[in-house]
Protein backbone atom coordinates (compact mmCIF):
# COMPACT_ATOMS: atom_id res chain seq x y z
CA MET A 1 162.42 35.48 274.66
CA THR A 2 165.89 34.36 273.57
CA PHE A 3 166.68 31.23 271.58
CA SER A 4 168.48 29.64 274.55
CA SER A 5 165.46 30.25 276.79
CA ILE A 6 163.20 28.65 274.15
CA LEU A 7 165.50 25.60 274.08
CA GLY A 8 165.52 25.52 277.87
CA ARG A 9 161.77 25.69 278.13
CA PHE A 10 160.63 23.54 275.22
CA GLY A 11 163.63 21.43 274.18
CA ARG A 12 164.25 17.83 275.18
CA ARG A 13 167.12 17.05 277.56
CA THR A 14 169.87 15.67 275.35
CA ALA A 15 173.44 14.51 275.96
CA LEU A 16 176.59 14.20 273.88
CA ILE A 17 178.21 10.86 274.66
CA SER A 18 181.67 9.51 273.82
CA ARG A 19 182.37 6.08 272.35
CA ASP A 20 183.11 4.66 275.83
CA GLY A 21 179.79 5.91 277.23
CA GLU A 22 181.15 8.96 279.07
CA LYS A 23 178.76 11.94 279.10
CA LEU A 24 180.63 14.86 277.52
CA ALA A 25 177.91 17.53 277.65
CA GLU A 26 174.23 18.05 278.37
CA MET A 27 171.94 20.47 276.59
CA ASN A 28 168.33 21.01 275.59
CA ALA A 29 167.53 20.55 271.93
CA PHE A 30 164.70 19.96 269.50
CA ILE A 31 164.63 16.53 267.86
CA SER A 32 161.95 16.06 265.22
CA PRO A 33 161.38 13.35 262.59
CA LEU A 34 162.24 14.37 259.05
CA ARG A 35 159.33 14.22 256.66
CA TYR A 36 160.21 12.23 253.56
CA LYS A 37 159.64 14.38 250.50
CA ASN A 38 161.98 12.33 248.37
CA LYS A 39 163.92 9.09 248.70
CA MET A 40 166.95 10.76 250.26
CA TYR A 41 166.43 9.29 253.76
CA LEU A 42 164.74 5.99 252.94
CA TYR A 43 167.79 3.73 253.27
CA GLY A 44 167.83 1.20 256.09
CA VAL A 45 169.66 -1.77 257.53
CA ASN A 46 168.83 -5.45 257.41
CA THR A 47 169.18 -6.98 260.88
CA GLU A 48 168.76 -10.54 262.15
CA ILE A 49 165.12 -9.84 263.01
CA GLY A 50 164.27 -7.89 259.86
CA TYR A 51 164.57 -4.53 258.15
CA ASN A 52 165.15 -1.39 260.23
CA SER A 53 164.33 1.86 258.45
CA GLN A 54 166.81 3.92 260.53
CA GLY A 55 164.61 6.94 260.99
CA HIS A 56 166.23 10.30 260.32
CA TYR A 57 165.63 13.28 262.58
CA LEU A 58 166.30 16.99 262.57
CA TYR A 59 168.32 18.20 265.55
CA ILE A 60 168.31 21.90 266.47
CA GLY A 61 170.41 22.78 269.48
CA PRO A 62 172.80 25.27 271.03
CA PRO A 63 176.15 26.10 269.41
CA ASP A 64 177.94 24.48 272.36
CA PRO A 65 178.72 21.60 272.27
CA ASP A 66 179.86 21.94 268.67
CA LEU A 67 178.39 18.91 266.89
CA THR A 68 180.26 19.89 263.71
CA GLN A 69 183.56 18.88 265.38
CA LEU A 70 182.80 15.44 266.78
CA GLU A 71 185.37 12.73 267.33
CA ASN A 72 184.83 9.29 265.81
CA GLY A 73 182.36 7.34 267.93
CA GLU A 74 180.66 10.27 269.67
CA TYR A 75 176.88 10.34 269.47
CA VAL A 76 173.78 12.12 270.78
CA SER A 77 171.54 10.46 273.35
CA CYS A 78 167.98 11.49 274.23
CA GLN A 79 165.43 9.61 276.33
CA GLY A 80 167.19 6.27 275.94
CA GLU A 81 167.68 6.54 272.17
CA ARG A 82 171.12 6.93 270.58
CA TYR A 83 171.67 8.96 267.40
CA ARG A 84 174.58 9.17 264.98
CA ILE A 85 175.20 12.59 263.45
CA ASP A 86 175.14 12.33 259.65
CA ARG A 87 175.60 16.04 258.97
CA ALA A 88 175.82 19.13 261.17
CA GLU A 89 176.18 22.84 260.40
CA LYS A 90 176.35 26.04 262.37
CA VAL A 91 173.78 28.76 261.74
CA TYR A 92 175.09 32.27 262.37
CA LYS A 93 173.54 35.49 263.57
CA GLY A 94 176.03 38.10 262.47
CA ASN A 95 179.48 36.71 263.28
CA GLU A 96 178.33 34.52 266.17
CA ALA A 97 177.14 30.92 265.97
CA PHE A 98 173.44 31.08 266.89
CA TYR A 99 172.54 27.38 266.83
CA ILE A 100 173.50 24.06 265.25
CA TRP A 101 171.23 22.02 263.04
CA ALA A 102 171.98 18.41 262.21
CA VAL A 103 170.54 15.40 260.48
CA ILE A 104 170.76 12.56 262.97
CA ARG A 105 169.95 8.87 262.58
CA VAL A 106 168.95 6.26 265.14
CA ILE A 107 171.87 3.92 265.89
CA VAL A 108 170.94 0.34 265.06
CA GLU A 109 172.94 -2.44 266.67
CA ASN A 110 173.76 -5.43 264.42
CA ASN A 111 174.26 -8.35 266.81
């Protein structure tokens, strides 16, 4: 079984969206909550209705679209939730990009 077939079979349908809401790409990816082993991801945002912890997640997806080269305002969307990419890196198998991992964070609207 190849990595792309694993993503296709078990990954969640995910989309890369531009700032204006246009869907740029669709792919299957794994999105999993990060487990807090230190205080690195414990920062949050105060909103009008209280504190939002801005959960951080691990994204593992295909090398295309290339999340390491996003334009300002582009984000990932999955099952109605929007995520900002905090950090993304390519993982290589030989000389070819095998997959992309990223730390993503739920987008919190301050109204």
